[in-house]
Amino acid sequence: MPTTRRQFIKQSVGAVTASMLIPKFGFTQANGQSIDPAANLAHKLVVIQFSGGNDGLSNIIPYSDSRYYQLRPDISLQPSELKDDTGATTMINNDLALHPRLKEIKQLYDAGKVALIVGVDESDKQSLSHFEGTTNLAAGGLSGTIPNGGWLGRYASQAFAGQPGFYAAGIGSLPQMFYTPDTSYVIPSISSFAQYTFQTDARNTRDRNNQITAFTAGNSRSFDSGAFIDTVARAGAKGFTDSITIQTETAKYAPQGYPNTGLANLLKMVAQLIVTIPTSALFHVSIGGFDFHQNLVANVNGQVNKLVNGQAGLLMQFSQAVKAFYDDLDAHGFSQNTLIMTYSEFGRRPQQNGTMGCDHGRASAWYVIGGSVKGGVYGQQPSLSSLDRNGNLVGNVDLRSIYATVLDKWLNHDSRSVLGASFDNVGFLN
């Protein structure tokens, strides 16, 4: 039956529009379930992608293992180098250390706010392509396909579809893990709050009203329910109301201070939404550049420098941005109910190649950070002596166990309905 704009505004949620506010990808209603979203809003989830294939051995360093130095004679970090720029050690136990440029992460780790997950088995497929790896993680490890959307898309469609409010956003871009085939629930991709509205001609004072009038008229018509144009119209109508909410509410936010880097600016936008829009609960940001086939460590004037540029530069940006984000949320009273989780499409091989880099591999390291995290190291550091037949590390933590832990213990949602089976609790949450 036809659906009117008024009916849609009453019933739908989370849309971003076509044209000026284009709908990107959607969430589907889960079997007509009636779920009270209030139960899912107490906890916020912020997912950070390390795009390119993060080298776990450059994040969490097995400094006590002689094999590490044999495999990486030029790019390894000696025990004497495992200290930050203040001279404080970055060793976390008798075997492992954080990279020296993860100073702020080490501070959070020492405070019990960081879970380090080593040996993450990112894929059930042999391929190590960026596309297939990313798709596999987005699907929740389901053989590299997303026939039913991404794992967070499935979660959100079950938890929030049909409920009024602004719940989720891809900041900078929309990740595959937010996808579902249906567009009855659409998550916006927001690169700038200033741009997330009608772009009007300042010389014409009536331009905004004219655009709104035309847009509203186009999206208030009745179309056959289920038709593509009906989907676009419904998404457009709700996307407009969401853009007003975002413009109005985020203007009230006062940040606590961030470095001027790409990741920090994205996380600052997330903080604005968390602090000012109570229903907002699910976010994704990305930091790229981790595909270090060469120059994983920098070559400065013909000399190897392991603490600038390359992997070190990205880790420093991550560390500083996350600490600023955590401190900002803490100042606003949100650090205890916000969880940060990182991921990467795969790891890298333990043996350096001929260009001071490492090729695509397996078993990366992930971080889970927040005021409610049970800090420590989870999983087993993969053996550097027992590699697979391709020279890759062998993982021991199923990525779906990480997802299941987040769903069950943080989002208070039955992980089986999202992942299709039961998986172990990794243990980093109470």
Protein backbone atom coordinates (compact mmCIF):
# COMPACT_ATOMS: atom_id res chain seq x y z
CA MET A 1 0.00 0.00 0.00
CA PRO A 2 1.15 3.59 -0.50
CA THR A 3 3.31 5.11 2.23
CA THR A 4 3.07 8.83 2.97
CA ARG A 5 5.91 11.00 4.16
CA ARG A 6 4.10 11.61 7.46
CA GLN A 7 3.73 7.88 8.07
CA PHE A 8 7.36 7.32 7.25
CA ILE A 9 8.63 10.02 9.61
CA LYS A 10 6.63 8.41 12.40
CA GLN A 11 7.88 4.91 11.67
CA SER A 12 11.36 4.98 10.15
CA VAL A 13 14.84 5.73 11.45
CA GLY A 14 18.38 6.66 10.51
CA ALA A 15 18.05 7.59 6.83
CA VAL A 16 20.30 9.72 4.67
CA THR A 17 18.93 11.14 1.47
CA ALA A 18 19.29 11.00 -2.26
CA SER A 19 20.82 13.90 -4.15
CA MET A 20 21.62 16.41 -1.42
CA LEU A 21 21.34 13.81 1.37
CA ILE A 22 21.81 10.59 -0.61
CA PRO A 23 20.89 7.23 0.92
CA LYS A 24 23.93 5.01 0.92
CA PHE A 25 23.18 1.46 2.14
CA GLY A 26 20.45 0.08 4.32
CA PHE A 27 19.34 -2.06 7.21
CA THR A 28 16.40 -4.43 7.07
CA GLN A 29 13.75 -5.01 9.72
CA ALA A 30 14.48 -8.31 11.46
CA ASN A 31 11.49 -10.65 11.03
CA GLY A 32 9.07 -8.05 12.31
CA GLN A 33 10.70 -8.03 15.72
CA SER A 34 9.57 -5.39 18.18
CA ILE A 35 12.69 -4.43 20.12
CA ASP A 36 12.93 -1.57 22.57
CA PRO A 37 16.06 0.31 21.41
CA ALA A 38 16.49 1.93 24.82
CA ALA A 39 18.06 -1.32 25.99
CA ASN A 40 20.73 -0.96 23.32
CA LEU A 41 21.58 2.71 23.86
CA ALA A 42 23.36 2.63 27.21
CA HIS A 43 26.55 1.46 25.50
CA LYS A 44 28.26 3.12 22.54
CA LEU A 45 30.49 1.25 20.08
CA VAL A 46 33.19 2.98 18.02
CA VAL A 47 34.93 0.80 15.43
CA ILE A 48 38.28 1.91 13.97
CA GLN A 49 39.54 0.29 10.79
CA PHE A 50 43.30 -0.03 10.18
CA SER A 51 43.01 -0.12 6.41
CA GLY A 52 45.69 -1.88 4.39
CA GLY A 53 46.63 -4.83 6.60
CA ASN A 54 48.07 -3.95 10.00
CA ASP A 55 51.35 -5.59 11.03
CA GLY A 56 50.63 -7.05 14.45
CA LEU A 57 54.32 -7.61 15.21
CA SER A 58 54.91 -3.86 14.91
CA ASN A 59 52.14 -3.14 17.40
CA ILE A 60 52.76 -5.77 20.05
CA ILE A 61 56.40 -6.77 19.94
CA PRO A 62 57.60 -10.23 21.12
CA TYR A 63 60.93 -8.83 22.24
CA SER A 64 61.95 -11.93 24.22
CA ASP A 65 61.73 -14.20 21.16
CA SER A 66 65.05 -14.50 19.29
CA ARG A 67 63.17 -15.66 16.21
CA TYR A 68 61.62 -12.17 15.94
CA TYR A 69 65.06 -10.67 15.36
CA GLN A 70 66.07 -13.42 12.94
CA LEU A 71 63.00 -12.83 10.78
CA ARG A 72 63.31 -9.05 10.94
CA PRO A 73 67.00 -8.14 11.11
CA ASP A 74 66.45 -4.58 9.86
CA ILE A 75 62.98 -3.60 11.04
CA SER A 76 62.78 -5.18 14.50
CA LEU A 77 62.97 -3.15 17.69
CA GLN A 78 65.64 -4.08 20.21
CA PRO A 79 64.77 -4.19 23.92
CA SER A 80 66.80 -1.02 24.44
CA GLU A 81 64.55 0.78 21.92
CA LEU A 82 61.30 -0.11 23.67
CA LYS A 83 60.75 3.20 25.43
CA ASP A 84 58.65 6.23 24.59
CA ASP A 85 59.90 9.76 24.03
CA THR A 86 59.99 10.40 27.78
CA GLY A 87 62.19 7.36 28.38
CA ALA A 88 59.40 5.30 29.95
CA THR A 89 59.36 1.62 29.01
CA THR A 90 56.66 0.29 26.69
CA MET A 91 57.15 -3.29 27.87
CA ILE A 92 53.93 -4.76 29.25
CA ASN A 93 55.32 -8.06 30.55
CA ASN A 94 58.41 -10.26 30.29
CA ASP A 95 57.68 -11.16 26.68
CA LEU A 96 55.70 -8.39 24.99
CA ALA A 97 55.96 -4.64 24.50
CA LEU A 98 53.96 -1.97 22.76
CA HIS A 99 55.55 0.03 19.96
CA PRO A 100 57.34 3.11 21.37
CA ARG A 101 54.97 5.39 19.45
CA LEU A 102 51.98 3.94 21.29
CA LYS A 103 52.79 6.00 24.36
CA GLU A 104 49.22 7.09 25.04
CA ILE A 105 47.86 3.59 24.48
CA LYS A 106 50.42 2.34 27.00
CA GLN A 107 49.13 4.90 29.50
CA LEU A 108 45.60 3.61 29.00
CA TYR A 109 46.85 0.03 29.19
CA ASP A 110 48.57 0.72 32.51
CA ALA A 111 45.26 2.14 33.75
CA GLY A 112 43.50 -1.12 32.85
CA LYS A 113 41.55 0.40 29.94
CA VAL A 114 43.05 -1.59 27.03
CA ALA A 115 42.61 -5.20 25.96
CA LEU A 116 45.24 -6.36 23.48
CA ILE A 117 44.04 -9.29 21.37
CA VAL A 118 46.89 -11.15 19.70
CA GLY A 119 46.71 -13.89 17.09
CA VAL A 120 43.39 -12.81 15.58
CA ASP A 121 42.36 -15.20 12.81
CA GLU A 122 40.85 -12.71 10.36
CA SER A 123 39.72 -14.96 7.52
CA ASP A 124 38.38 -18.40 6.72
CA LYS A 125 39.59 -18.04 3.13
CA GLN A 126 43.12 -18.51 1.81
CA SER A 127 43.00 -15.29 -0.23
CA LEU A 128 44.82 -12.29 1.22
CA SER A 129 43.30 -9.67 -1.07
CA HIS A 130 42.30 -6.39 0.52
CA PHE A 131 38.80 -6.60 -0.95
CA GLU A 132 38.06 -10.16 0.14
CA GLY A 133 39.64 -9.62 3.54
CA THR A 134 37.57 -6.51 4.22
CA THR A 135 34.39 -8.17 2.98
CA ASN A 136 35.02 -11.24 5.12
CA LEU A 137 35.44 -9.16 8.27
CA ALA A 138 32.39 -7.06 7.41
CA ALA A 139 30.25 -10.16 6.99
CA GLY A 140 31.41 -11.57 10.28
CA GLY A 141 33.68 -14.24 8.86
CA LEU A 142 30.99 -15.77 6.66
CA SER A 143 33.15 -17.05 3.80
CA GLY A 144 33.92 -13.63 2.39
CA THR A 145 30.38 -12.71 1.37
CA ILE A 146 27.70 -10.45 2.79
CA PRO A 147 24.41 -11.94 1.49
CA ASN A 148 22.68 -10.68 4.62
CA GLY A 149 24.72 -7.55 5.10
CA GLY A 150 27.52 -6.73 7.49
CA TRP A 151 27.51 -8.01 11.04
CA LEU A 152 26.79 -4.57 12.52
CA GLY A 153 24.18 -3.99 9.83
CA ARG A 154 22.39 -7.13 10.91
CA TYR A 155 22.67 -6.09 14.55
CA ALA A 156 21.32 -2.59 13.92
CA SER A 157 18.44 -3.82 11.78
CA GLN A 158 17.35 -6.06 14.64
CA ALA A 159 17.91 -3.50 17.38
CA PHE A 160 16.85 -0.17 15.87
CA ALA A 161 14.80 -0.50 12.66
CA GLY A 162 11.38 1.08 12.92
CA GLN A 163 12.33 3.16 15.97
CA PRO A 164 12.51 6.98 15.98
CA GLY A 165 15.93 8.49 16.55
CA PHE A 166 19.44 8.84 15.15
CA TYR A 167 21.42 5.70 16.02
CA ALA A 168 24.49 5.20 13.85
CA ALA A 169 26.85 6.74 11.33
CA GLY A 170 29.85 5.98 9.20
CA ILE A 171 32.14 8.95 9.79
CA GLY A 172 34.15 9.76 6.67
CA SER A 173 32.75 6.78 4.75
CA LEU A 174 30.24 3.98 5.15
CA PRO A 175 31.84 0.58 5.88
CA GLN A 176 30.66 -2.74 4.51
CA MET A 177 29.97 -4.00 8.02
CA PHE A 178 27.02 -1.54 8.14
CA TYR A 179 25.44 -2.92 4.93
CA THR A 180 22.21 -4.88 4.55
CA PRO A 181 20.37 -5.65 1.31
CA ASP A 182 17.18 -3.87 2.40
CA THR A 183 16.89 -0.09 2.57
CA SER A 184 14.14 0.17 5.16
CA TYR A 185 16.83 1.27 7.60
CA VAL A 186 19.66 3.42 6.28
CA ILE A 187 22.80 4.56 8.08
CA PRO A 188 24.29 7.85 6.94
CA SER A 189 27.84 8.44 5.81
CA ILE A 190 28.97 11.79 7.19
CA SER A 191 32.26 13.42 6.21
CA SER A 192 31.46 16.87 7.58
CA PHE A 193 28.66 18.22 9.74
CA ALA A 194 28.82 21.50 7.83
CA GLN A 195 28.23 19.62 4.56
CA TYR A 196 25.52 17.35 5.96
CA THR A 197 22.70 19.71 5.00
CA PHE A 198 21.41 21.63 2.01
CA GLN A 199 24.24 23.46 0.28
CA THR A 200 22.70 26.83 -0.49
CA ASP A 201 23.70 30.01 -2.28
CA ALA A 202 24.51 32.59 0.40
CA ARG A 203 23.75 35.37 -2.08
CA ASN A 204 20.11 34.28 -2.24
CA THR A 205 18.40 34.47 1.16
CA ARG A 206 15.47 32.41 -0.14
CA ASP A 207 17.58 29.62 -1.61
CA ARG A 208 17.43 27.36 1.46
CA ASN A 209 13.65 27.66 1.82
CA ASN A 210 13.21 27.04 -1.89
CA GLN A 211 15.34 23.89 -1.73
CA ILE A 212 13.51 22.59 1.33
CA THR A 213 10.12 23.23 -0.26
CA ALA A 214 11.07 21.40 -3.45
CA PHE A 215 12.72 18.57 -1.57
CA THR A 216 9.76 18.09 0.78
CA ALA A 217 7.28 18.09 -2.09
CA GLY A 218 9.28 15.46 -3.95
CA ASN A 219 9.54 13.18 -0.94
CA SER A 220 5.98 13.57 0.38
CA ARG A 221 4.29 11.90 -2.57
CA SER A 222 2.77 8.45 -2.13
CA PHE A 223 4.39 5.55 -3.95
CA ASP A 224 3.77 1.82 -3.97
CA SER A 225 5.30 0.33 -0.85
CA GLY A 226 8.41 -1.66 -1.74
CA ALA A 227 9.09 0.24 -4.95
CA PHE A 228 12.60 1.69 -5.33
CA ILE A 229 11.29 5.25 -5.58
CA ASP A 230 9.34 4.72 -2.36
CA THR A 231 12.57 3.66 -0.64
CA VAL A 232 14.34 6.78 -1.91
CA ALA A 233 11.47 9.03 -0.83
CA ARG A 234 11.25 7.54 2.64
CA ALA A 235 15.00 7.72 3.10
CA GLY A 236 15.02 11.29 1.88
CA ALA A 237 12.30 12.39 4.26
CA LYS A 238 13.95 10.90 7.33
CA GLY A 239 17.43 11.93 6.22
CA PHE A 240 16.28 15.53 6.19
CA THR A 241 14.96 15.36 9.75
CA ASP A 242 18.17 13.66 10.89
CA SER A 243 20.30 16.36 9.29
CA ILE A 244 18.40 19.02 11.25
CA THR A 245 18.99 17.09 14.47
CA ILE A 246 22.70 16.76 13.75
CA GLN A 247 23.12 20.42 12.80
CA THR A 248 21.25 21.63 15.88
CA GLU A 249 22.63 19.28 18.53
CA THR A 250 26.30 19.00 17.58
CA ALA A 251 26.64 22.78 17.71
CA LYS A 252 26.28 22.50 21.50
CA TYR A 253 29.46 20.44 21.88
CA ALA A 254 32.73 21.85 23.23
CA PRO A 255 35.72 19.55 22.48
CA GLN A 256 38.45 19.05 25.07
CA GLY A 257 41.38 19.25 22.66
CA TYR A 258 42.54 17.02 19.80
CA PRO A 259 45.64 16.83 17.60
CA ASN A 260 45.02 18.08 14.08
CA THR A 261 45.20 14.71 12.32
CA GLY A 262 42.78 12.85 10.11
CA LEU A 263 41.82 10.21 12.65
CA ALA A 264 41.58 12.69 15.51
CA ASN A 265 39.21 14.88 13.51
CA LEU A 266 36.98 11.90 12.74
CA LEU A 267 36.89 10.83 16.38
CA LYS A 268 36.07 14.37 17.41
CA MET A 269 32.99 14.16 15.18
CA VAL A 270 32.05 10.89 16.87
CA ALA A 271 32.41 12.53 20.28
CA GLN A 272 30.13 15.36 19.15
CA LEU A 273 27.42 12.86 18.27
CA ILE A 274 27.84 10.78 21.43
CA VAL A 275 27.78 13.79 23.73
CA THR A 276 24.91 15.69 22.10
CA ILE A 277 22.57 13.05 20.61
CA PRO A 278 21.49 10.52 23.28
CA THR A 279 20.25 7.90 20.80
CA SER A 280 23.53 7.76 18.85
CA ALA A 281 25.22 4.44 19.58
CA LEU A 282 27.18 2.96 16.68
CA PHE A 283 30.08 4.50 14.72
CA HIS A 284 32.84 3.59 12.29
CA VAL A 285 35.97 5.52 11.30
CA SER A 286 39.04 4.51 9.32
CA ILE A 287 42.76 5.26 9.20
CA GLY A 288 44.56 4.11 6.06
CA GLY A 289 48.10 3.51 4.91
CA PHE A 290 49.00 0.22 6.63
CA ASP A 291 49.88 -1.66 3.43
CA PHE A 292 53.64 -1.54 3.99
CA HIS A 293 55.12 -3.78 1.32
CA GLN A 294 58.06 -1.42 1.60
CA ASN A 295 59.43 1.06 4.10
CA LEU A 296 57.54 -0.22 7.12
CA VAL A 297 60.30 1.67 8.90
CA ALA A 298 61.46 4.97 7.47
CA ASN A 299 64.63 5.66 5.55
CA VAL A 300 65.81 9.14 6.51
CA ASN A 301 68.83 10.41 4.59
CA GLY A 302 69.96 6.87 3.95
CA GLN A 303 69.58 5.84 7.57
CA VAL A 304 66.90 3.57 8.99
CA ASN A 305 64.70 5.36 11.52
CA LYS A 306 62.19 3.09 13.20
CA LEU A 307 60.37 5.85 15.09
CA VAL A 308 59.27 8.27 12.36
CA ASN A 309 56.92 7.92 9.40
CA GLY A 310 55.98 4.45 8.18
CA GLN A 311 54.21 2.23 10.68
CA ALA A 312 55.50 4.34 13.57
CA GLY A 313 53.80 7.45 12.23
CA LEU A 314 50.43 5.74 11.85
CA LEU A 315 50.62 4.19 15.30
CA MET A 316 51.47 7.55 16.83
CA GLN A 317 48.48 9.14 15.09
CA PHE A 318 46.24 6.34 16.36
CA SER A 319 47.59 6.55 19.90
CA GLN A 320 47.29 10.32 20.23
CA ALA A 321 43.84 10.44 18.63
CA VAL A 322 42.38 7.68 20.80
CA LYS A 323 43.78 9.19 24.00
CA ALA A 324 42.31 12.60 23.11
CA PHE A 325 38.98 10.94 22.29
CA TYR A 326 38.98 8.96 25.54
CA ASP A 327 39.86 12.03 27.61
CA ASP A 328 37.16 14.06 25.86
CA LEU A 329 34.52 11.44 26.55
CA ASP A 330 35.75 11.12 30.13
CA ALA A 331 35.37 14.87 30.64
CA HIS A 332 31.81 14.64 29.34
CA GLY A 333 30.96 11.55 31.40
CA PHE A 334 30.92 8.99 28.57
CA SER A 335 34.18 7.03 28.95
CA GLN A 336 32.58 4.21 30.94
CA ASN A 337 29.86 3.50 28.39
CA THR A 338 31.90 3.85 25.19
CA LEU A 339 33.84 0.93 23.71
CA ILE A 340 36.50 1.34 21.01
CA MET A 341 37.42 -1.65 18.85
CA THR A 342 40.00 -1.79 16.06
CA TYR A 343 40.28 -4.22 13.18
CA SER A 344 42.25 -4.75 9.97
CA GLU A 345 41.52 -6.94 6.95
CA PHE A 346 44.55 -9.14 7.67
CA GLY A 347 48.01 -9.05 9.21
CA ARG A 348 51.43 -9.23 7.61
CA ARG A 349 54.08 -11.90 7.27
CA PRO A 350 56.59 -12.18 10.08
CA GLN A 351 59.59 -12.16 7.74
CA GLN A 352 60.67 -8.85 6.27
CA ASN A 353 60.99 -8.67 2.49
CA GLY A 354 63.72 -7.09 0.39
CA THR A 355 62.24 -3.60 0.51
CA MET A 356 62.12 -3.09 4.28
CA GLY A 357 58.47 -4.07 4.41
CA CYS A 358 56.27 -7.12 4.97
CA ASP A 359 53.83 -8.76 2.58
CA HIS A 360 50.22 -9.70 3.27
CA GLY A 361 49.88 -12.21 6.07
CA ARG A 362 47.67 -13.41 8.88
CA ALA A 363 47.02 -13.15 12.59
CA SER A 364 47.06 -9.44 13.30
CA ALA A 365 46.55 -7.69 16.64
CA TRP A 366 43.37 -5.84 17.62
CA TYR A 367 42.69 -3.34 20.37
CA VAL A 368 39.60 -3.00 22.55
CA ILE A 369 39.64 0.18 24.63
CA GLY A 370 37.27 1.75 27.13
CA GLY A 371 36.50 2.55 30.71
CA SER A 372 34.68 -0.75 31.20
CA VAL A 373 37.27 -3.00 29.55
CA LYS A 374 39.07 -5.74 31.49
CA GLY A 375 42.60 -4.78 30.51
CA GLY A 376 45.28 -7.27 29.59
CA VAL A 377 46.48 -9.52 26.77
CA TYR A 378 44.01 -11.97 25.23
CA GLY A 379 44.84 -14.86 22.94
CA GLN A 380 48.28 -16.40 22.47
CA GLN A 381 51.10 -14.61 20.70
CA PRO A 382 51.48 -16.69 17.50
CA SER A 383 54.59 -18.83 17.30
CA LEU A 384 57.36 -17.45 15.11
CA SER A 385 58.80 -20.94 14.70
CA SER A 386 55.62 -22.77 13.62
CA LEU A 387 54.37 -20.83 10.60
CA ASP A 388 51.89 -22.12 8.04
CA ARG A 389 53.01 -23.46 4.65
CA ASN A 390 53.03 -19.94 3.21
CA GLY A 391 55.18 -18.49 5.95
CA ASN A 392 52.29 -16.83 7.76
CA LEU A 393 51.52 -16.64 11.45
CA VAL A 394 48.85 -19.05 12.66
CA GLY A 395 46.01 -17.32 14.49
CA ASN A 396 44.23 -18.68 17.53
CA VAL A 397 41.40 -16.20 18.22
CA ASP A 398 38.40 -16.49 15.90
CA LEU A 399 37.35 -12.97 14.94
CA ARG A 400 33.73 -14.03 15.41
CA SER A 401 34.50 -14.63 19.08
CA ILE A 402 35.48 -10.97 19.35
CA TYR A 403 32.26 -9.91 17.62
CA ALA A 404 30.22 -12.26 19.81
CA THR A 405 31.79 -10.85 22.97
CA VAL A 406 30.93 -7.30 21.88
CA LEU A 407 27.37 -8.26 20.94
CA ASP A 408 26.60 -10.35 24.02
CA LYS A 409 28.49 -8.47 26.70
CA TRP A 410 28.47 -4.88 25.45
CA LEU A 411 25.49 -4.39 23.17
CA ASN A 412 23.30 -6.76 25.22
CA HIS A 413 22.21 -8.55 22.06
CA ASP A 414 22.10 -12.27 21.32
CA SER A 415 25.12 -12.80 19.07
CA ARG A 416 23.61 -15.97 17.58
CA SER A 417 20.94 -13.90 15.83
CA VAL A 418 23.69 -11.89 14.11
CA LEU A 419 26.47 -14.43 13.58
CA GLY A 420 24.34 -17.52 13.04
CA ALA A 421 26.10 -19.63 15.66
CA SER A 422 27.63 -19.48 19.13
CA PHE A 423 31.23 -18.40 19.66
CA ASP A 424 33.48 -18.23 22.69
CA ASN A 425 33.57 -15.24 25.00
CA VAL A 426 37.08 -13.78 24.70
CA GLY A 427 36.78 -12.29 28.19
CA PHE A 428 37.71 -8.63 27.80
CA LEU A 429 34.31 -7.47 29.12
CA ASN A 430 32.53 -8.24 32.36
